[in-house]
C-alpha atoms as a PDB file:
ATOM      1  CA  MET A   1      89.517 -12.862-172.481  1.00  0.00           C
ATOM      2  CA  THR A   2      93.216 -13.945-173.231  1.00  0.00           C
ATOM      3  CA  ILE A   3      95.083 -15.862-170.424  1.00  0.00           C
ATOM      4  CA  PHE A   4      97.081 -12.531-169.515  1.00  0.00           C
ATOM      5  CA  LYS A   5      94.224 -10.107-169.018  1.00  0.00           C
ATOM      6  CA  TRP A   6      92.295 -13.175-166.632  1.00  0.00           C
ATOM      7  CA  SER A   7      95.589 -12.586-164.133  1.00  0.00           C
ATOM      8  CA  ILE A   8      96.068  -9.253-164.626  1.00  0.00           C
ATOM      9  CA  LEU A   9      92.360  -9.109-163.191  1.00  0.00           C
ATOM     10  CA  LEU A  10      93.014 -10.878-160.308  1.00  0.00           C
ATOM     11  CA  ILE A  11      95.929  -9.475-159.556  1.00  0.00           C
ATOM     12  CA  ILE A  12      94.725  -5.896-159.556  1.00  0.00           C
ATOM     13  CA  PRO A  13      92.447  -6.847-156.120  1.00  0.00           C
ATOM     14  CA  PHE A  14      95.450  -8.025-154.307  1.00  0.00           C
ATOM     15  CA  LEU A  15      97.615  -5.228-154.946  1.00  0.00           C
ATOM     16  CA  PHE A  16      94.752  -2.567-154.110  1.00  0.00           C
ATOM     17  CA  ILE A  17      93.925  -5.123-150.397  1.00  0.00           C
ATOM     18  CA  ASN A  18      97.890  -4.830-149.959  1.00  0.00           C
ATOM     19  CA  CYS A  19      98.136  -1.323-151.053  1.00  0.00           C
ATOM     20  CA  THR A  20      95.728   0.439-148.853  1.00  0.00           C
ATOM     21  CA  LYS A  21      95.932  -2.376-145.787  1.00  0.00           C
ATOM     22  CA  GLN A  22      97.212  -0.142-142.385  1.00  0.00           C
ATOM     23  CA  LYS A  23     100.911  -1.089-141.061  1.00  0.00           C
ATOM     24  CA  GLU A  24     100.621  -1.926-137.837  1.00  0.00           C
ATOM     25  CA  LEU A  25     103.929  -1.408-134.583  1.00  0.00           C
ATOM     26  CA  SER A  26     104.374  -2.520-131.368  1.00  0.00           C
ATOM     27  CA  LEU A  27     104.652   0.324-129.013  1.00  0.00           C
ATOM     28  CA  ARG A  28     106.101  -0.495-125.644  1.00  0.00           C
ATOM     29  CA  VAL A  29     105.545   2.274-122.418  1.00  0.00           C
ATOM     30  CA  LEU A  30     107.238   2.164-119.676  1.00  0.00           C
ATOM     31  CA  GLN A  31     107.023   3.884-116.843  1.00  0.00           C
ATOM     32  CA  PHE A  32     110.516   3.472-114.285  1.00  0.00           C
ATOM     33  CA  ASN A  33     111.195   5.499-111.042  1.00  0.00           C
ATOM     34  CA  ILE A  34     114.878   4.854-110.745  1.00  0.00           C
ATOM     35  CA  TRP A  35     115.739   5.905-107.364  1.00  0.00           C
ATOM     36  CA  GLN A  36     118.377   9.360-107.368  1.00  0.00           C
ATOM     37  CA  GLU A  37     119.185   7.406-111.240  1.00  0.00           C
ATOM     38  CA  GLY A  38     119.740   4.289-109.089  1.00  0.00           C
ATOM     39  CA  THR A  39     123.215   5.730-106.642  1.00  0.00           C
ATOM     40  CA  ILE A  40     120.575   4.043-104.315  1.00  0.00           C
ATOM     41  CA  VAL A  41     121.074   0.216-104.362  1.00  0.00           C
ATOM     42  CA  PRO A  42     125.042  -1.368-105.658  1.00  0.00           C
ATOM     43  CA  ASN A  43     125.461  -1.202-109.598  1.00  0.00           C
ATOM     44  CA  GLY A  44     121.937   0.241-109.553  1.00  0.00           C
ATOM     45  CA  TYR A  45     122.835   2.755-113.054  1.00  0.00           C
ATOM     46  CA  SER A  46     124.173  -0.532-114.472  1.00  0.00           C
ATOM     47  CA  ALA A  47     120.859  -2.121-113.245  1.00  0.00           C
ATOM     48  CA  ILE A  48     118.719   0.564-114.994  1.00  0.00           C
ATOM     49  CA  LEU A  49     120.204  -0.377-118.835  1.00  0.00           C
ATOM     50  CA  ASP A  50     120.274  -3.524-118.120  1.00  0.00           C
ATOM     51  CA  GLU A  51     115.997  -3.468-117.773  1.00  0.00           C
ATOM     52  CA  VAL A  52     115.731  -0.727-119.895  1.00  0.00           C
ATOM     53  CA  ILE A  53     117.010  -3.372-122.851  1.00  0.00           C
ATOM     54  CA  ASN A  54     115.281  -6.045-121.234  1.00  0.00           C
ATOM     55  CA  ALA A  55     112.352  -4.038-121.462  1.00  0.00           C
ATOM     56  CA  LYS A  56     112.283  -3.195-125.489  1.00  0.00           C
ATOM     57  CA  ALA A  57     110.908  -0.082-124.260  1.00  0.00           C
ATOM     58  CA  ASP A  58     110.371   2.651-127.198  1.00  0.00           C
ATOM     59  CA  LEU A  59     109.815   5.460-125.107  1.00  0.00           C
ATOM     60  CA  ILE A  60     110.088   5.769-120.936  1.00  0.00           C
ATOM     61  CA  ALA A  61     109.531   8.267-118.230  1.00  0.00           C
ATOM     62  CA  LEU A  62     111.885   8.805-116.009  1.00  0.00           C
ATOM     63  CA  SER A  63     111.523   9.769-112.836  1.00  0.00           C
ATOM     64  CA  GLU A  64     114.513  11.312-110.283  1.00  0.00           C
ATOM     65  CA  VAL A  65     116.209  12.413-112.721  1.00  0.00           C
ATOM     66  CA  ARG A  66     119.054  14.650-110.827  1.00  0.00           C
ATOM     67  CA  ASN A  67     121.929  14.750-112.794  1.00  0.00           C
ATOM     68  CA  TYR A  68     124.544  14.929-109.648  1.00  0.00           C
ATOM     69  CA  LYS A  69     127.607  16.492-110.476  1.00  0.00           C
ATOM     70  CA  GLN A  70     126.415  18.315-113.005  1.00  0.00           C
ATOM     71  CA  LYS A  71     126.395  15.464-115.414  1.00  0.00           C
ATOM     72  CA  SER A  72     123.195  15.376-117.156  1.00  0.00           C
ATOM     73  CA  LEU A  73     121.395  11.768-117.184  1.00  0.00           C
ATOM     74  CA  ALA A  74     120.370  11.952-120.682  1.00  0.00           C
ATOM     75  CA  LYS A  75     123.552  12.397-122.177  1.00  0.00           C
ATOM     76  CA  ARG A  76     124.747   9.266-120.120  1.00  0.00           C
ATOM     77  CA  LEU A  77     122.828   7.075-120.622  1.00  0.00           C
ATOM     78  CA  VAL A  78     122.276   8.006-124.891  1.00  0.00           C
ATOM     79  CA  ARG A  79     125.484   6.970-124.762  1.00  0.00           C
ATOM     80  CA  ASP A  80     125.962   3.700-122.255  1.00  0.00           C
ATOM     81  CA  LEU A  81     122.916   2.218-124.334  1.00  0.00           C
ATOM     82  CA  LYS A  82     124.908   2.888-127.614  1.00  0.00           C
ATOM     83  CA  GLU A  83     127.810   1.551-126.180  1.00  0.00           C
ATOM     84  CA  ARG A  84     125.783  -2.020-125.577  1.00  0.00           C
ATOM     85  CA  GLY A  85     124.163  -0.983-129.283  1.00  0.00           C
ATOM     86  CA  PHE A  86     120.852   0.375-128.495  1.00  0.00           C
ATOM     87  CA  THR A  87     119.763   3.564-129.861  1.00  0.00           C
ATOM     88  CA  PHE A  88     117.856   6.034-128.024  1.00  0.00           C
ATOM     89  CA  TYR A  89     117.101   9.787-127.765  1.00  0.00           C
ATOM     90  CA  SER A  90     116.877  11.792-124.550  1.00  0.00           C
ATOM     91  CA  ASP A  91     117.019  15.859-123.851  1.00  0.00           C
ATOM     92  CA  SER A  92     118.662  17.073-120.634  1.00  0.00           C
ATOM     93  CA  SER A  93     116.011  17.376-117.708  1.00  0.00           C
ATOM     94  CA  GLN A  94     115.157  17.525-114.276  1.00  0.00           C
ATOM     95  CA  ASP A  95     113.913  15.873-112.244  1.00  0.00           C
ATOM     96  CA  SER A  96     111.714  13.171-114.761  1.00  0.00           C
ATOM     97  CA  GLY A  97     113.037  12.594-118.477  1.00  0.00           C
ATOM     98  CA  ILE A  98     112.467  10.620-121.225  1.00  0.00           C
ATOM     99  CA  LEU A  99     113.784   7.944-122.910  1.00  0.00           C
ATOM    100  CA  SER A 100     112.944   7.689-126.924  1.00  0.00           C
ATOM    101  CA  LYS A 101     113.840   5.140-129.279  1.00  0.00           C
ATOM    102  CA  TYR A 102     112.387   7.879-131.706  1.00  0.00           C
ATOM    103  CA  PRO A 103     113.518  10.848-132.800  1.00  0.00           C
ATOM    104  CA  ILE A 104     112.906  13.370-130.833  1.00  0.00           C
ATOM    105  CA  VAL A 105     111.336  16.692-132.705  1.00  0.00           C
ATOM    106  CA  LYS A 106     111.016  18.863-129.181  1.00  0.00           C
ATOM    107  CA  GLN A 107     111.495  18.246-125.150  1.00  0.00           C
ATOM    108  CA  GLU A 108     110.199  20.868-122.909  1.00  0.00           C
ATOM    109  CA  ALA A 109     110.754  21.302-118.927  1.00  0.00           C
ATOM    110  CA  PHE A 110     106.720  21.387-119.539  1.00  0.00           C
ATOM    111  CA  TYR A 111     105.326  21.832-115.980  1.00  0.00           C
ATOM    112  CA  PRO A 112     109.711  22.559-114.247  1.00  0.00           C
ATOM    113  CA  VAL A 113     110.613  21.422-110.900  1.00  0.00           C
ATOM    114  CA  ILE A 114     110.668  23.817-108.156  1.00  0.00           C
ATOM    115  CA  ASP A 115     111.958  23.293-104.796  1.00  0.00           C
ATOM    116  CA  ASP A 116     111.470  19.845-105.411  1.00  0.00           C
ATOM    117  CA  ARG A 117     107.702  19.670-105.415  1.00  0.00           C
ATOM    118  CA  GLY A 118     107.442  17.750-108.979  1.00  0.00           C
ATOM    119  CA  SER A 119     108.375  18.689-112.308  1.00  0.00           C
ATOM    120  CA  VAL A 120     106.016  17.133-115.845  1.00  0.00           C
ATOM    121  CA  THR A 121     108.860  16.839-118.780  1.00  0.00           C
ATOM    122  CA  LYS A 122     107.387  17.048-122.156  1.00  0.00           C
ATOM    123  CA  ALA A 123     108.797  15.771-125.435  1.00  0.00           C
ATOM    124  CA  VAL A 124     106.807  15.681-129.459  1.00  0.00           C
ATOM    125  CA  ILE A 125     108.147  11.942-130.863  1.00  0.00           C
ATOM    126  CA  LYS A 126     107.924  11.376-134.455  1.00  0.00           C
ATOM    127  CA  ILE A 127     106.931   7.761-135.421  1.00  0.00           C
ATOM    128  CA  GLY A 128     106.506   6.898-138.865  1.00  0.00           C
ATOM    129  CA  ASP A 129     104.423  10.178-140.186  1.00  0.00           C
ATOM    130  CA  LYS A 130     102.974   9.746-136.791  1.00  0.00           C
ATOM    131  CA  GLU A 131     103.825  12.086-133.703  1.00  0.00           C
ATOM    132  CA  VAL A 132     103.425  11.634-130.298  1.00  0.00           C
ATOM    133  CA  ALA A 133     102.829  13.831-127.402  1.00  0.00           C
ATOM    134  CA  PHE A 134     104.549  12.187-125.003  1.00  0.00           C
ATOM    135  CA  TYR A 135     104.709  13.733-121.015  1.00  0.00           C
ATOM    136  CA  SER A 136     106.486  12.485-118.065  1.00  0.00           C
ATOM    137  CA  ALA A 137     105.964  13.589-114.510  1.00  0.00           C
ATOM    138  CA  HIS A 138     107.367  12.830-111.097  1.00  0.00           C
ATOM    139  CA  LEU A 139     104.605  13.946-109.275  1.00  0.00           C
ATOM    140  CA  ASP A 140     104.895  16.063-105.684  1.00  0.00           C
ATOM    141  CA  TYR A 141     105.914  13.581-102.635  1.00  0.00           C
ATOM    142  CA  ARG A 142     104.680  16.323-100.038  1.00  0.00           C
ATOM    143  CA  ASN A 143     100.579  16.835 -98.978  1.00  0.00           C
ATOM    144  CA  CYS A 144     101.084  13.358 -99.612  1.00  0.00           C
ATOM    145  CA  ALA A 145      97.515  12.735 -97.954  1.00  0.00           C
ATOM    146  CA  ILE A 146      97.254   8.242 -99.102  1.00  0.00           C
ATOM    147  CA  TYR A 147      99.841   8.187 -95.522  1.00  0.00           C
ATOM    148  CA  LEU A 148      97.578  10.451 -93.278  1.00  0.00           C
ATOM    149  CA  PRO A 149      94.612   7.272 -93.046  1.00  0.00           C
ATOM    150  CA  ARG A 150      97.769   5.087 -92.244  1.00  0.00           C
ATOM    151  CA  GLY A 151      98.483   7.276 -89.474  1.00  0.00           C
ATOM    152  CA  TYR A 152     101.643   9.273 -90.791  1.00  0.00           C
ATOM    153  CA  ASP A 153     101.259  12.688 -91.783  1.00  0.00           C
ATOM    154  CA  GLY A 154     102.221  12.958 -95.183  1.00  0.00           C
ATOM    155  CA  SER A 155     105.038  15.802 -95.433  1.00  0.00           C
ATOM    156  CA  THR A 156     106.718  14.938 -91.998  1.00  0.00           C
ATOM    157  CA  TRP A 157     105.903  10.828 -92.534  1.00  0.00           C
ATOM    158  CA  LYS A 158     106.071  11.739 -88.559  1.00  0.00           C
ATOM    159  CA  PRO A 159     103.770   9.495 -86.427  1.00  0.00           C
ATOM    160  CA  LEU A 160     100.018  10.816 -86.368  1.00  0.00           C
ATOM    161  CA  ASP A 161      97.823  10.495 -83.117  1.00  0.00           C
ATOM    162  CA  ALA A 162      95.500   8.449 -84.961  1.00  0.00           C
ATOM    163  CA  PRO A 163      94.746   7.619 -88.298  1.00  0.00           C
ATOM    164  CA  ILE A 164      92.181  10.774 -89.930  1.00  0.00           C
ATOM    165  CA  THR A 165      89.875   8.921 -92.110  1.00  0.00           C
ATOM    166  CA  ASP A 166      87.372  12.420 -93.141  1.00  0.00           C
ATOM    167  CA  ILE A 167      87.528  12.791 -96.507  1.00  0.00           C
ATOM    168  CA  ASN A 168      86.651  16.034 -96.881  1.00  0.00           C
ATOM    169  CA  LEU A 169      90.166  16.505 -94.618  1.00  0.00           C
ATOM    170  CA  LEU A 170      91.552  14.103 -96.828  1.00  0.00           C
ATOM    171  CA  LEU A 171      91.132  15.648 -99.910  1.00  0.00           C
ATOM    172  CA  ALA A 172      91.669  18.831 -98.674  1.00  0.00           C
ATOM    173  CA  ASP A 173      95.115  17.976 -97.903  1.00  0.00           C
ATOM    174  CA  ASN A 174      95.288  16.479-101.462  1.00  0.00           C
ATOM    175  CA  LEU A 175      94.733  19.712-103.199  1.00  0.00           C
ATOM    176  CA  LYS A 176      98.007  21.784-101.347  1.00  0.00           C
ATOM    177  CA  SER A 177      99.974  19.387-103.090  1.00  0.00           C
ATOM    178  CA  LYS A 178     101.379  21.207-106.366  1.00  0.00           C
ATOM    179  CA  ARG A 179     100.579  17.910-108.098  1.00  0.00           C
ATOM    180  CA  ILE A 180      96.865  18.886-108.690  1.00  0.00           C
ATOM    181  CA  GLU A 181      98.813  22.053-109.922  1.00  0.00           C
ATOM    182  CA  ALA A 182     100.676  19.755-113.251  1.00  0.00           C
ATOM    183  CA  ILE A 183      97.622  17.437-113.766  1.00  0.00           C
ATOM    184  CA  LYS A 184      95.909  20.503-114.420  1.00  0.00           C
ATOM    185  CA  ASN A 185      98.474  21.756-116.643  1.00  0.00           C
ATOM    186  CA  VAL A 186      98.889  18.917-118.194  1.00  0.00           C
ATOM    187  CA  ILE A 187      94.986  18.749-119.776  1.00  0.00           C
ATOM    188  CA  ALA A 188      94.744  21.705-121.116  1.00  0.00           C
ATOM    189  CA  ASP A 189      97.994  21.036-122.899  1.00  0.00           C
ATOM    190  CA  ALA A 190      97.023  17.634-124.613  1.00  0.00           C
ATOM    191  CA  LYS A 191      93.766  19.071-125.411  1.00  0.00           C
ATOM    192  CA  LEU A 192      96.249  21.376-127.994  1.00  0.00           C
ATOM    193  CA  GLU A 193      97.956  18.322-128.810  1.00  0.00           C
ATOM    194  CA  GLU A 194      94.667  16.261-129.148  1.00  0.00           C
ATOM    195  CA  GLU A 195      93.900  19.186-131.803  1.00  0.00           C
ATOM    196  CA  LEU A 196      97.125  19.021-133.417  1.00  0.00           C
ATOM    197  CA  GLY A 197      96.515  15.008-134.394  1.00  0.00           C
ATOM    198  CA  ARG A 198      99.399  13.822-132.271  1.00  0.00           C
ATOM    199  CA  ILE A 199      98.821  10.925-130.333  1.00  0.00           C
ATOM    200  CA  VAL A 200      99.137  11.376-126.303  1.00  0.00           C
ATOM    201  CA  LEU A 201     100.670   9.937-123.684  1.00  0.00           C
ATOM    202  CA  LEU A 202     101.179  10.613-119.758  1.00  0.00           C
ATOM    203  CA  ALA A 203     103.202   8.171-117.587  1.00  0.00           C
ATOM    204  CA  GLY A 204     104.212   8.883-113.963  1.00  0.00           C
ATOM    205  CA  ASP A 205     105.005   8.668-110.849  1.00  0.00           C
ATOM    206  CA  PHE A 206     102.060  10.608-109.014  1.00  0.00           C
ATOM    207  CA  ASN A 207     103.041  10.246-105.116  1.00  0.00           C
ATOM    208  CA  GLU A 208      98.964   9.835-104.914  1.00  0.00           C
ATOM    209  CA  ALA A 209      97.128   6.903-105.214  1.00  0.00           C
ATOM    210  CA  SER A 210      93.811   5.926-108.094  1.00  0.00           C
ATOM    211  CA  HIS A 211      90.491   6.726-106.953  1.00  0.00           C
ATOM    212  CA  ARG A 212      89.760   3.039-109.381  1.00  0.00           C
ATOM    213  CA  ASP A 213      91.748   1.909-105.855  1.00  0.00           C
ATOM    214  CA  TRP A 214      90.303   2.868-102.694  1.00  0.00           C
ATOM    215  CA  ILE A 215      86.911   1.834-103.301  1.00  0.00           C
ATOM    216  CA  LYS A 216      84.020   0.098-101.150  1.00  0.00           C
ATOM    217  CA  GLU A 217      85.287  -3.470-101.650  1.00  0.00           C
ATOM    218  CA  ASN A 218      89.158  -2.707 -99.746  1.00  0.00           C
ATOM    219  CA  LYS A 219      88.176  -0.327 -97.458  1.00  0.00           C
ATOM    220  CA  ASP A 220      89.454  -2.206 -94.577  1.00  0.00           C
ATOM    221  CA  LEU A 221      92.855  -3.103 -96.597  1.00  0.00           C
ATOM    222  CA  TYR A 222      95.779  -1.668 -96.931  1.00  0.00           C
ATOM    223  CA  GLU A 223      95.349   0.090 -93.376  1.00  0.00           C
ATOM    224  CA  HIS A 224      92.779   1.750 -95.723  1.00  0.00           C
ATOM    225  CA  ASN A 225      90.552   2.389 -92.204  1.00  0.00           C
ATOM    226  CA  GLY A 226      87.316   2.321 -93.704  1.00  0.00           C
ATOM    227  CA  VAL A 227      88.145   5.503 -96.505  1.00  0.00           C
ATOM    228  CA  VAL A 228      86.460   5.264-100.178  1.00  0.00           C
ATOM    229  CA  ILE A 229      87.912   8.036-101.706  1.00  0.00           C
ATOM    230  CA  PRO A 230      87.955   9.810-104.917  1.00  0.00           C
ATOM    231  CA  TRP A 231      91.870  10.690-105.687  1.00  0.00           C
ATOM    232  CA  THR A 232      92.359  14.011-106.945  1.00  0.00           C
ATOM    233  CA  SER A 233      94.792  13.238-109.976  1.00  0.00           C
ATOM    234  CA  THR A 234      92.924  10.192-111.574  1.00  0.00           C
ATOM    235  CA  THR A 235      89.590  11.822-111.360  1.00  0.00           C
ATOM    236  CA  MET A 236      90.734  14.691-113.250  1.00  0.00           C
ATOM    237  CA  LEU A 237      92.126  12.976-115.639  1.00  0.00           C
ATOM    238  CA  GLU A 238      89.610  10.201-116.697  1.00  0.00           C
ATOM    239  CA  GLU A 239      86.805  12.894-116.331  1.00  0.00           C
ATOM    240  CA  ASP A 240      88.732  14.572-118.729  1.00  0.00           C
ATOM    241  CA  ASN A 241      88.630  10.656-120.973  1.00  0.00           C
ATOM    242  CA  PHE A 242      91.923   9.699-120.291  1.00  0.00           C
ATOM    243  CA  ILE A 243      92.271   5.900-119.934  1.00  0.00           C
ATOM    244  CA  ASP A 244      94.271   4.245-117.442  1.00  0.00           C
ATOM    245  CA  ALA A 245      96.195   1.699-118.920  1.00  0.00           C
ATOM    246  CA  TYR A 246      96.393  -0.960-116.125  1.00  0.00           C
ATOM    247  CA  ARG A 247      92.739  -0.447-114.743  1.00  0.00           C
ATOM    248  CA  GLU A 248      91.985  -0.750-118.568  1.00  0.00           C
ATOM    249  CA  ILE A 249      93.307  -4.736-118.910  1.00  0.00           C
ATOM    250  CA  TYR A 250      92.912  -5.567-115.002  1.00  0.00           C
ATOM    251  CA  PRO A 251      89.693  -3.302-113.987  1.00  0.00           C
ATOM    252  CA  ASN A 252      89.730  -5.212-109.970  1.00  0.00           C
ATOM    253  CA  PRO A 253      91.510  -3.935-107.856  1.00  0.00           C
ATOM    254  CA  ILE A 254      91.460  -6.740-105.686  1.00  0.00           C
ATOM    255  CA  THR A 255      92.497  -9.759-107.499  1.00  0.00           C
ATOM    256  CA  HIS A 256      94.675  -7.157-109.265  1.00  0.00           C
ATOM    257  CA  PRO A 257      95.998  -4.455-106.860  1.00  0.00           C
ATOM    258  CA  GLY A 258      99.224  -3.863-109.063  1.00  0.00           C
ATOM    259  CA  PHE A 259     101.282  -1.658-106.137  1.00  0.00           C
ATOM    260  CA  THR A 260     104.066  -0.194-107.835  1.00  0.00           C
ATOM    261  CA  PHE A 261     105.413   1.413-103.987  1.00  0.00           C
ATOM    262  CA  PRO A 262     106.748   0.255-101.856  1.00  0.00           C
ATOM    263  CA  CYS A 263     109.311  -2.624-103.412  1.00  0.00           C
ATOM    264  CA  TYR A 264     111.513  -4.967-102.032  1.00  0.00           C
ATOM    265  CA  ASN A 265     114.503  -4.218-102.879  1.00  0.00           C
ATOM    266  CA  VAL A 266     117.018  -8.124-102.153  1.00  0.00           C
ATOM    267  CA  ASP A 267     120.449  -5.665-101.675  1.00  0.00           C
ATOM    268  CA  LEU A 268     119.218  -3.257 -99.263  1.00  0.00           C
ATOM    269  CA  PRO A 269     117.698  -3.083 -95.442  1.00  0.00           C
ATOM    270  CA  VAL A 270     113.940  -3.229 -95.630  1.00  0.00           C
ATOM    271  CA  GLU A 271     113.542   0.165 -93.274  1.00  0.00           C
ATOM    272  CA  ARG A 272     114.944   2.288 -96.445  1.00  0.00           C
ATOM    273  CA  VAL A 273     112.257   1.027 -98.919  1.00  0.00           C
ATOM    274  CA  VAL A 274     109.684   2.007 -96.365  1.00  0.00           C
ATOM    275  CA  TRP A 275     108.226   6.018 -95.081  1.00  0.00           C
ATOM    276  CA  ALA A 276     105.562   4.560 -92.823  1.00  0.00           C
ATOM    277  CA  PRO A 277     107.187   1.736 -91.274  1.00  0.00           C
ATOM    278  CA  LYS A 278     104.072   0.504 -88.729  1.00  0.00           C
ATOM    279  CA  SER A 279     101.641   0.733 -91.815  1.00  0.00           C
ATOM    280  CA  ASP A 280     100.954  -1.298 -95.117  1.00  0.00           C
ATOM    281  CA  GLU A 281     101.490   1.445 -96.958  1.00  0.00           C
ATOM    282  CA  ARG A 282     101.483  -0.348-100.270  1.00  0.00           C
ATOM    283  CA  ASP A 283      99.498   0.979-103.318  1.00  0.00           C
ATOM    284  CA  ARG A 284      99.525   1.661-107.515  1.00  0.00           C
ATOM    285  CA  ILE A 285     101.100   4.601-107.599  1.00  0.00           C
ATOM    286  CA  ASP A 286     103.204   4.551-111.240  1.00  0.00           C
ATOM    287  CA  PHE A 287     100.685   5.119-114.360  1.00  0.00           C
ATOM    288  CA  ILE A 288     100.245   4.903-117.399  1.00  0.00           C
ATOM    289  CA  PHE A 289      97.733   7.253-119.409  1.00  0.00           C
ATOM    290  CA  TYR A 290      96.322   8.001-122.474  1.00  0.00           C
ATOM    291  CA  LYS A 291      94.314   9.386-124.798  1.00  0.00           C
ATOM    292  CA  PRO A 292      91.708   7.366-126.671  1.00  0.00           C
ATOM    293  CA  ASN A 293      92.943   7.599-130.241  1.00  0.00           C
ATOM    294  CA  SER A 294      91.695   6.325-133.527  1.00  0.00           C
ATOM    295  CA  SER A 295      95.835   5.185-134.159  1.00  0.00           C
ATOM    296  CA  ILE A 296      96.333   3.734-131.107  1.00  0.00           C
ATOM    297  CA  SER A 297      95.353   0.505-128.755  1.00  0.00           C
ATOM    298  CA  LEU A 298      96.101  -0.627-125.474  1.00  0.00           C
ATOM    299  CA  LYS A 299      97.258  -4.830-126.427  1.00  0.00           C
ATOM    300  CA  ASP A 300      98.702  -5.395-122.804  1.00  0.00           C
ATOM    301  CA  ILE A 301      99.949  -4.019-119.533  1.00  0.00           C
ATOM    302  CA  PHE A 302     102.273  -5.820-116.884  1.00  0.00           C
ATOM    303  CA  ILE A 303     104.769  -4.771-113.796  1.00  0.00           C
ATOM    304  CA  ILE A 304     108.164  -5.203-113.967  1.00  0.00           C
ATOM    305  CA  GLY A 305     109.931  -5.409-110.564  1.00  0.00           C
ATOM    306  CA  PRO A 306     110.182  -8.133-107.454  1.00  0.00           C
ATOM    307  CA  LYS A 307     106.870 -10.015-106.957  1.00  0.00           C
ATOM    308  CA  GLN A 308     108.140  -9.224-102.824  1.00  0.00           C
ATOM    309  CA  SER A 309     106.770  -5.686-101.538  1.00  0.00           C
ATOM    310  CA  VAL A 310     106.655  -4.695 -98.155  1.00  0.00           C
ATOM    311  CA  ALA A 311     104.588  -4.188 -95.659  1.00  0.00           C
ATOM    312  CA  TYR A 312     104.094  -3.280 -92.210  1.00  0.00           C
ATOM    313  CA  SER A 313     107.810  -3.367 -92.851  1.00  0.00           C
ATOM    314  CA  LYS A 314     108.149  -7.227 -93.201  1.00  0.00           C
ATOM    315  CA  VAL A 315     108.859  -9.320 -96.760  1.00  0.00           C
ATOM    316  CA  ILE A 316     105.559  -9.484 -98.336  1.00  0.00           C
ATOM    317  CA  ASP A 317     105.138 -12.299-101.168  1.00  0.00           C
ATOM    318  CA  GLU A 318     101.865 -11.561-103.328  1.00  0.00           C
ATOM    319  CA  THR A 319      99.474 -13.803-104.080  1.00  0.00           C
ATOM    320  CA  SER A 320      97.774 -11.664-106.321  1.00  0.00           C
ATOM    321  CA  GLU A 321      96.712 -12.222-110.238  1.00  0.00           C
ATOM    322  CA  ASP A 322      98.924  -9.328-111.272  1.00  0.00           C
ATOM    323  CA  VAL A 323     101.228 -10.184-114.252  1.00  0.00           C
ATOM    324  CA  PHE A 324     104.666  -9.812-112.950  1.00  0.00           C
ATOM    325  CA  GLN A 325     108.182  -9.705-115.301  1.00  0.00           C
ATOM    326  CA  THR A 326     110.404 -10.297-113.073  1.00  0.00           C
ATOM    327  CA  PRO A 327     113.873  -8.209-113.335  1.00  0.00           C
ATOM    328  CA  LEU A 328     116.936 -10.148-114.713  1.00  0.00           C
ATOM    329  CA  GLY A 329     119.261  -9.472-111.604  1.00  0.00           C
ATOM    330  CA  VAL A 330     119.831  -5.977-109.561  1.00  0.00           C
ATOM    331  CA  TRP A 331     116.407  -3.888-108.924  1.00  0.00           C
ATOM    332  CA  PRO A 332     117.416  -0.772-109.133  1.00  0.00           C
ATOM    333  CA  THR A 333     115.394   0.853-106.898  1.00  0.00           C
ATOM    334  CA  ASP A 334     112.290   0.890-104.506  1.00  0.00           C
ATOM    335  CA  HIS A 335     109.090   1.427-107.225  1.00  0.00           C
ATOM    336  CA  LYS A 336     107.535  -1.321-109.361  1.00  0.00           C
ATOM    337  CA  ALA A 337     107.890  -0.301-112.942  1.00  0.00           C
ATOM    338  CA  VAL A 338     105.238  -0.738-115.565  1.00  0.00           C
ATOM    339  CA  LEU A 339     105.483  -1.658-119.206  1.00  0.00           C
ATOM    340  CA  GLY A 340     102.082  -0.808-121.427  1.00  0.00           C
ATOM    341  CA  GLU A 341     102.543  -1.925-125.023  1.00  0.00           C
ATOM    342  CA  PHE A 342      99.976  -0.595-127.200  1.00  0.00           C
ATOM    343  CA  ILE A 343      99.605  -1.643-131.302  1.00  0.00           C
ATOM    344  CA  LEU A 344      99.868   1.998-133.199  1.00  0.00           C
ATOM    345  CA  LYS A 345      98.138   2.367-136.418  1.00  0.00           C
ATOM    346  CA  LEU A 346     100.876   4.298-138.988  1.00  0.00           C
END
């Protein structure tokens, strides 16, 4: 056999392996409550741009989109990020919103905001030959039952005569919110998206805690007052096979509570970021969920924002093992953000 023929035989397997090897890319998903579009904190809007860029985020779920003075926040963000040299896509929305580094095939007010009772914005996003159904949720803030065990009304935030710790009463109040309806709609729609072969991602400020965080081991911490409870929204999602990204990487809420609210903000008085001033209201209420899919896997997740929280109207230096990325400078919100990095197979 000639040297030429031997060379061909050696090259063919190499070409076959490289042609069949699946291409992968990093997909960074950011849940970001921007607190009234950054208007509460001085220079907050500019800080939103800074943090979006610094996070190297590809898909961003925004909470508290207001479109003040009838100006589309989506258009402002796209314009101002482009001026800084970064191309993003977004369509106008209300209350919840989406920013994407990848083209948006279509976007809709999937669960429209009515009477300020929460919303879900949905976009189908094209990434290579894959399509992602991305849900951005900012759920109903009323009947916020996580405040009842802490001695505060969950709609008026007035002090109660005594904490409410009866699980049946807590779940009944929770069911009065519109959060449950919104999540049911997401679950039903996600099934249709899966049938179309799309990857499903959900991120949002739920204004509700996780059933994985109010457990026996911390029932006497954070003013849980002995309550162990299967909070409804996250329970429904998990029962439908949605995966809580933070708890997939960090399953232990004792070592990694992952608190996202209330976040200490050095540019504001402490009383501006609390709803229950005489209690410890720290909770993880900002989430990233995804449906299992052979084309996507979770690589990492961490919190973006100040490491300090607020409890009993005092600044708390967190001593947990949670991983933080500290802000560049001004932090624009009273929430901490969550950044999940996925590996997407194209």
